Amino acid sequence: MSDLAPILFSLVVIIALVYLISRRFNISSRYERKQKIHTPWSALDNGIDPSSDGGEK
């Protein structure tokens, strides 16, 4: 049991350091997706041709 105490203490200290460093540098926000900006050309993703007016002659 006495051999386990230093290992647990080290583990708690390492986890606390990792948490504090990640909060300081805001690492998680680097991988968040930005909201898409919708343009007429983004209609191509839905199969709509943005170059046509949409009106039939």
N, C-alpha and C. Protein backbone atom coordinates (compact mmCIF):
# COMPACT_ATOMS: atom_id res chain seq x y z
N MET A 1 0.82 -1.19 0.00
CA MET A 1 0.00 0.00 0.00
C MET A 1 0.86 1.26 0.00
N SER A 2 1.98 1.22 0.71
CA SER A 2 2.84 2.39 0.78
C SER A 2 3.54 2.64 -0.55
N ASP A 3 3.67 1.62 -1.39
CA ASP A 3 4.28 1.80 -2.71
C ASP A 3 3.30 2.48 -3.68
N LEU A 4 2.04 2.37 -3.40
CA LEU A 4 1.02 2.92 -4.28
C LEU A 4 0.81 4.42 -4.07
N ALA A 5 1.08 4.93 -2.87
CA ALA A 5 0.84 6.34 -2.55
C ALA A 5 1.65 7.30 -3.44
N PRO A 6 2.96 7.11 -3.63
CA PRO A 6 3.70 8.03 -4.49
C PRO A 6 3.23 7.99 -5.94
N ILE A 7 2.82 6.84 -6.41
CA ILE A 7 2.33 6.72 -7.79
C ILE A 7 1.01 7.48 -7.95
N LEU A 8 0.11 7.34 -7.00
CA LEU A 8 -1.16 8.06 -7.06
C LEU A 8 -0.94 9.56 -6.96
N PHE A 9 -0.04 9.98 -6.06
CA PHE A 9 0.25 11.41 -5.92
C PHE A 9 0.82 11.97 -7.22
N SER A 10 1.74 11.26 -7.84
CA SER A 10 2.33 11.70 -9.11
C SER A 10 1.26 11.78 -10.20
N LEU A 11 0.38 10.82 -10.22
CA LEU A 11 -0.69 10.80 -11.22
C LEU A 11 -1.62 12.01 -11.05
N VAL A 12 -1.97 12.34 -9.83
CA VAL A 12 -2.84 13.49 -9.56
C VAL A 12 -2.13 14.78 -9.97
N VAL A 13 -0.84 14.90 -9.65
CA VAL A 13 -0.10 16.12 -10.01
C VAL A 13 -0.01 16.25 -11.53
N ILE A 14 0.25 15.18 -12.25
CA ILE A 14 0.36 15.22 -13.71
C ILE A 14 -0.98 15.59 -14.34
N ILE A 15 -2.05 15.01 -13.85
CA ILE A 15 -3.37 15.32 -14.39
C ILE A 15 -3.71 16.79 -14.14
N ALA A 16 -3.38 17.31 -12.95
CA ALA A 16 -3.64 18.71 -12.64
C ALA A 16 -2.83 19.63 -13.55
N LEU A 17 -1.57 19.30 -13.79
CA LEU A 17 -0.74 20.12 -14.68
C LEU A 17 -1.27 20.12 -16.10
N VAL A 18 -1.65 18.97 -16.59
CA VAL A 18 -2.19 18.88 -17.95
C VAL A 18 -3.46 19.70 -18.06
N TYR A 19 -4.31 19.63 -17.07
CA TYR A 19 -5.56 20.40 -17.08
C TYR A 19 -5.27 21.90 -17.08
N LEU A 20 -4.36 22.34 -16.20
CA LEU A 20 -4.06 23.78 -16.11
C LEU A 20 -3.41 24.30 -17.39
N ILE A 21 -2.52 23.52 -17.97
CA ILE A 21 -1.87 23.95 -19.21
C ILE A 21 -2.87 24.01 -20.35
N SER A 22 -3.76 23.04 -20.44
CA SER A 22 -4.75 23.06 -21.52
C SER A 22 -5.72 24.23 -21.36
N ARG A 23 -6.03 24.60 -20.15
CA ARG A 23 -6.91 25.75 -19.92
C ARG A 23 -6.19 27.05 -20.27
N ARG A 24 -4.90 27.11 -20.00
CA ARG A 24 -4.11 28.32 -20.24
C ARG A 24 -3.97 28.59 -21.73
N PHE A 25 -3.68 27.56 -22.52
CA PHE A 25 -3.44 27.74 -23.94
C PHE A 25 -4.69 27.51 -24.78
N ASN A 26 -5.79 27.11 -24.16
CA ASN A 26 -7.06 26.91 -24.84
C ASN A 26 -6.90 25.99 -26.05
N ILE A 27 -6.29 24.85 -25.83
CA ILE A 27 -5.97 23.91 -26.90
C ILE A 27 -7.23 23.35 -27.56
N SER A 28 -8.28 23.12 -26.80
CA SER A 28 -9.46 22.47 -27.36
C SER A 28 -10.15 23.33 -28.41
N SER A 29 -10.06 24.66 -28.31
CA SER A 29 -10.75 25.50 -29.28
C SER A 29 -10.10 25.43 -30.66
N ARG A 30 -8.87 24.98 -30.72
CA ARG A 30 -8.18 24.88 -32.00
C ARG A 30 -8.88 23.89 -32.93
N TYR A 31 -9.53 22.89 -32.35
CA TYR A 31 -10.13 21.84 -33.16
C TYR A 31 -11.64 22.00 -33.33
N GLU A 32 -12.19 23.08 -32.83
CA GLU A 32 -13.62 23.30 -33.01
C GLU A 32 -13.89 23.81 -34.42
N ARG A 33 -15.02 23.39 -34.96
CA ARG A 33 -15.38 23.82 -36.32
C ARG A 33 -15.99 25.21 -36.28
N LYS A 34 -15.67 25.98 -37.28
CA LYS A 34 -16.25 27.30 -37.43
C LYS A 34 -17.60 27.15 -38.14
N GLN A 35 -18.50 28.07 -37.86
CA GLN A 35 -19.80 28.04 -38.50
C GLN A 35 -19.63 28.33 -39.99
N LYS A 36 -20.32 27.55 -40.81
CA LYS A 36 -20.21 27.73 -42.26
C LYS A 36 -20.92 29.00 -42.70
N ILE A 37 -20.29 29.69 -43.64
CA ILE A 37 -20.91 30.87 -44.24
C ILE A 37 -21.61 30.38 -45.51
N HIS A 38 -22.89 30.64 -45.61
CA HIS A 38 -23.66 30.17 -46.76
C HIS A 38 -23.61 31.21 -47.88
N THR A 39 -23.12 30.77 -49.01
CA THR A 39 -23.07 31.61 -50.21
C THR A 39 -23.87 30.90 -51.29
N PRO A 40 -24.14 31.59 -52.39
CA PRO A 40 -24.85 30.92 -53.48
C PRO A 40 -24.08 29.70 -53.99
N TRP A 41 -22.75 29.75 -53.94
CA TRP A 41 -21.98 28.62 -54.43
C TRP A 41 -21.99 27.44 -53.47
N SER A 42 -22.37 27.67 -52.22
CA SER A 42 -22.49 26.53 -51.30
C SER A 42 -23.71 25.68 -51.63
N ALA A 43 -24.56 26.19 -52.52
CA ALA A 43 -25.72 25.42 -52.96
C ALA A 43 -25.28 24.19 -53.75
N LEU A 44 -24.07 24.23 -54.29
CA LEU A 44 -23.56 23.06 -55.03
C LEU A 44 -23.51 21.83 -54.14
N ASP A 45 -23.32 22.02 -52.84
CA ASP A 45 -23.30 20.88 -51.92
C ASP A 45 -24.65 20.17 -51.90
N ASN A 46 -25.71 20.90 -52.19
CA ASN A 46 -27.05 20.32 -52.21
C ASN A 46 -27.51 19.95 -53.61
N GLY A 47 -26.63 20.10 -54.60
CA GLY A 47 -26.98 19.73 -55.96
C GLY A 47 -27.72 20.81 -56.72
N ILE A 48 -27.69 22.04 -56.23
CA ILE A 48 -28.39 23.14 -56.89
C ILE A 48 -27.36 23.94 -57.68
N ASP A 49 -27.66 24.26 -58.92
CA ASP A 49 -26.74 25.02 -59.77
C ASP A 49 -26.92 26.50 -59.48
N PRO A 50 -25.94 27.16 -58.87
CA PRO A 50 -26.10 28.58 -58.51
C PRO A 50 -25.94 29.53 -59.69
N SER A 51 -25.43 29.03 -60.84
CA SER A 51 -25.23 29.91 -61.96
C SER A 51 -26.53 30.18 -62.71
N SER A 52 -27.53 29.34 -62.52
CA SER A 52 -28.81 29.57 -63.21
C SER A 52 -29.70 30.46 -62.34
N ASP A 53 -30.55 31.23 -63.00
CA ASP A 53 -31.46 32.12 -62.28
C ASP A 53 -32.59 31.37 -61.61
N GLY A 54 -32.80 30.18 -62.04
CA GLY A 54 -33.88 29.39 -61.48
C GLY A 54 -35.18 29.54 -62.24
N GLY A 55 -35.22 30.51 -63.16
CA GLY A 55 -36.44 30.74 -63.93
C GLY A 55 -36.35 30.06 -65.28
N GLU A 56 -37.43 29.49 -65.73
CA GLU A 56 -37.50 28.85 -67.05
C GLU A 56 -38.02 29.84 -68.06
N LYS A 57 -37.45 29.81 -69.28
CA LYS A 57 -37.92 30.70 -70.35
C LYS A 57 -38.87 29.96 -71.26
